[in-house]
N, C-alpha and C. Protein backbone atom coordinates (compact mmCIF):
# COMPACT_ATOMS: atom_id res chain seq x y z
N MET A 1 -10.37 25.04 31.32
CA MET A 1 -9.03 24.76 32.09
C MET A 1 -8.18 25.96 32.10
N GLN A 2 -8.31 26.90 30.93
CA GLN A 2 -7.46 27.97 31.18
C GLN A 2 -7.69 29.00 32.14
N ALA A 3 -9.16 28.78 32.89
CA ALA A 3 -9.07 29.90 33.97
C ALA A 3 -8.38 29.19 35.16
N GLN A 4 -8.21 27.69 35.29
CA GLN A 4 -7.66 27.29 36.36
C GLN A 4 -6.03 27.57 36.37
N THR A 5 -5.52 27.65 35.07
CA THR A 5 -4.37 27.87 35.07
C THR A 5 -4.01 29.32 35.43
N GLN A 6 -5.04 30.28 34.94
CA GLN A 6 -4.61 31.81 35.29
C GLN A 6 -4.80 31.75 36.81
N ALA A 7 -5.68 30.96 37.37
CA ALA A 7 -6.04 31.11 38.92
C ALA A 7 -4.86 30.59 39.58
N HIS A 8 -4.12 29.49 39.12
CA HIS A 8 -2.95 29.04 39.72
C HIS A 8 -2.07 30.08 39.80
N GLN A 9 -1.84 30.65 38.69
CA GLN A 9 -0.67 31.62 38.44
C GLN A 9 -0.63 32.67 39.60
N LYS A 10 -1.99 33.25 39.52
CA LYS A 10 -2.22 34.32 40.31
C LYS A 10 -1.91 33.77 41.95
N THR A 11 -2.50 32.74 42.08
CA THR A 11 -2.37 32.43 43.53
C THR A 11 -0.94 32.24 43.91
N LEU A 12 -0.19 31.43 42.85
CA LEU A 12 1.40 31.19 43.15
C LEU A 12 2.02 32.64 43.44
N ALA A 13 1.62 33.46 42.51
CA ALA A 13 2.26 34.92 42.79
C ALA A 13 2.05 35.48 43.96
N GLN A 14 0.99 35.50 44.56
CA GLN A 14 0.55 36.00 45.92
C GLN A 14 1.44 35.16 46.92
N TYR A 15 1.56 34.04 46.97
CA TYR A 15 2.09 33.43 47.88
C TYR A 15 3.78 33.64 47.87
N GLN A 16 4.24 33.68 46.78
CA GLN A 16 5.66 34.05 46.47
C GLN A 16 5.71 35.65 46.97
N ASN A 17 4.92 36.40 46.68
CA ASN A 17 5.05 37.78 46.98
C ASN A 17 5.12 37.95 48.87
N TYR A 18 4.15 37.04 49.41
CA TYR A 18 3.96 37.06 50.72
C TYR A 18 5.45 36.36 51.31
N LEU A 19 6.04 35.64 50.69
CA LEU A 19 7.26 34.85 51.29
C LEU A 19 8.32 36.16 51.30
N GLN A 20 8.23 36.99 50.02
CA GLN A 20 9.25 37.87 50.30
C GLN A 20 9.05 39.17 51.19
N THR A 21 7.82 39.36 51.22
CA THR A 21 7.47 40.76 51.93
C THR A 21 6.49 40.60 53.06
N GLY A 22 5.88 39.54 53.14
CA GLY A 22 5.17 39.23 54.52
C GLY A 22 5.59 39.39 55.77
N LEU A 23 5.18 39.90 56.65
CA LEU A 23 5.74 40.24 58.16
C LEU A 23 5.42 38.98 59.14
N ASP A 24 4.40 38.54 58.88
CA ASP A 24 4.11 37.37 59.86
C ASP A 24 4.75 36.03 59.64
N ALA A 25 5.67 35.75 60.63
CA ALA A 25 6.52 34.62 60.26
C ALA A 25 5.48 33.39 60.21
N ASP A 26 4.36 33.21 60.90
CA ASP A 26 3.60 31.96 60.88
C ASP A 26 3.01 32.00 59.40
N LEU A 27 2.64 32.98 59.14
CA LEU A 27 2.13 32.93 57.79
C LEU A 27 3.11 32.97 56.48
N ARG A 28 4.32 33.44 56.56
CA ARG A 28 5.43 32.90 55.94
C ARG A 28 5.53 31.35 55.78
N MET A 29 5.50 30.91 56.88
CA MET A 29 6.01 29.37 56.97
C MET A 29 4.80 28.67 56.20
N PHE A 30 3.62 29.18 56.42
CA PHE A 30 2.37 28.49 55.82
C PHE A 30 2.64 28.75 54.23
N ALA A 31 2.84 29.83 53.80
CA ALA A 31 3.08 30.19 52.33
C ALA A 31 4.25 29.13 51.95
N SER A 32 5.29 29.19 52.70
CA SER A 32 6.40 28.17 52.25
C SER A 32 6.01 26.80 52.04
N GLY A 33 5.03 26.32 52.64
CA GLY A 33 4.50 25.00 52.62
C GLY A 33 3.39 24.79 51.38
N VAL A 34 2.93 25.65 51.32
CA VAL A 34 1.68 25.65 50.36
C VAL A 34 2.15 26.09 48.67
N ALA A 35 2.88 26.88 48.69
CA ALA A 35 3.70 27.52 47.37
C ALA A 35 4.00 26.29 46.66
N PRO A 36 4.84 25.17 46.87
CA PRO A 36 5.11 24.34 46.02
C PRO A 36 4.04 23.44 45.52
N ILE A 37 3.05 23.49 46.30
CA ILE A 37 1.89 22.50 45.81
C ILE A 37 1.15 23.39 44.92
N VAL A 38 1.00 24.41 44.96
CA VAL A 38 0.06 25.29 43.95
C VAL A 38 1.07 25.26 42.79
N ARG A 39 2.32 25.56 42.68
CA ARG A 39 3.28 25.30 41.52
C ARG A 39 3.25 24.02 40.73
N GLN A 40 3.09 22.91 41.78
CA GLN A 40 2.67 21.53 41.14
C GLN A 40 1.57 21.55 40.33
N HIS A 41 0.48 22.10 40.97
CA HIS A 41 -0.87 22.05 40.47
C HIS A 41 -0.74 22.77 39.30
N LEU A 42 -0.18 23.98 39.23
CA LEU A 42 0.13 25.08 38.05
C LEU A 42 0.77 24.34 36.75
N GLU A 43 1.70 23.52 37.31
CA GLU A 43 2.41 22.65 36.13
C GLU A 43 1.44 21.82 35.57
N MET A 44 0.55 21.09 36.21
CA MET A 44 -0.28 19.96 35.56
C MET A 44 -1.26 20.56 35.04
N ALA A 45 -1.71 21.75 35.33
CA ALA A 45 -2.88 22.53 34.43
C ALA A 45 -2.28 22.90 33.48
N GLN A 46 -0.93 23.51 33.18
CA GLN A 46 -0.28 23.70 32.06
C GLN A 46 -0.21 22.67 30.93
N LYS A 47 0.11 21.44 31.68
CA LYS A 47 0.40 20.44 30.85
C LYS A 47 -1.03 19.96 30.03
N MET A 48 -2.04 20.05 30.86
CA MET A 48 -3.43 19.68 30.36
C MET A 48 -3.94 20.62 29.25
N THR A 49 -3.58 21.92 29.29
CA THR A 49 -4.02 22.64 28.26
C THR A 49 -3.01 22.78 27.06
N ALA A 50 -1.82 22.35 27.38
CA ALA A 50 -0.79 22.29 26.23
C ALA A 50 -1.15 21.04 25.30
N ASN A 51 -1.73 19.88 25.80
CA ASN A 51 -1.96 18.85 25.28
C ASN A 51 -3.47 19.12 24.53
N ARG A 52 -4.00 20.06 24.52
CA ARG A 52 -5.34 20.48 23.83
C ARG A 52 -5.04 20.86 22.44
């Protein structure tokens, strides 16, 4: 599960980075929709690893 947490952290950071620096408006819109879902999954993964 730790690997999942790390993967979600990395993915979220990449989406957030693109939201700030990306040039393609369509991709920024996509990232703005996906980033909250990835954040939610990250929070769930963190809770699962904290409970162990």
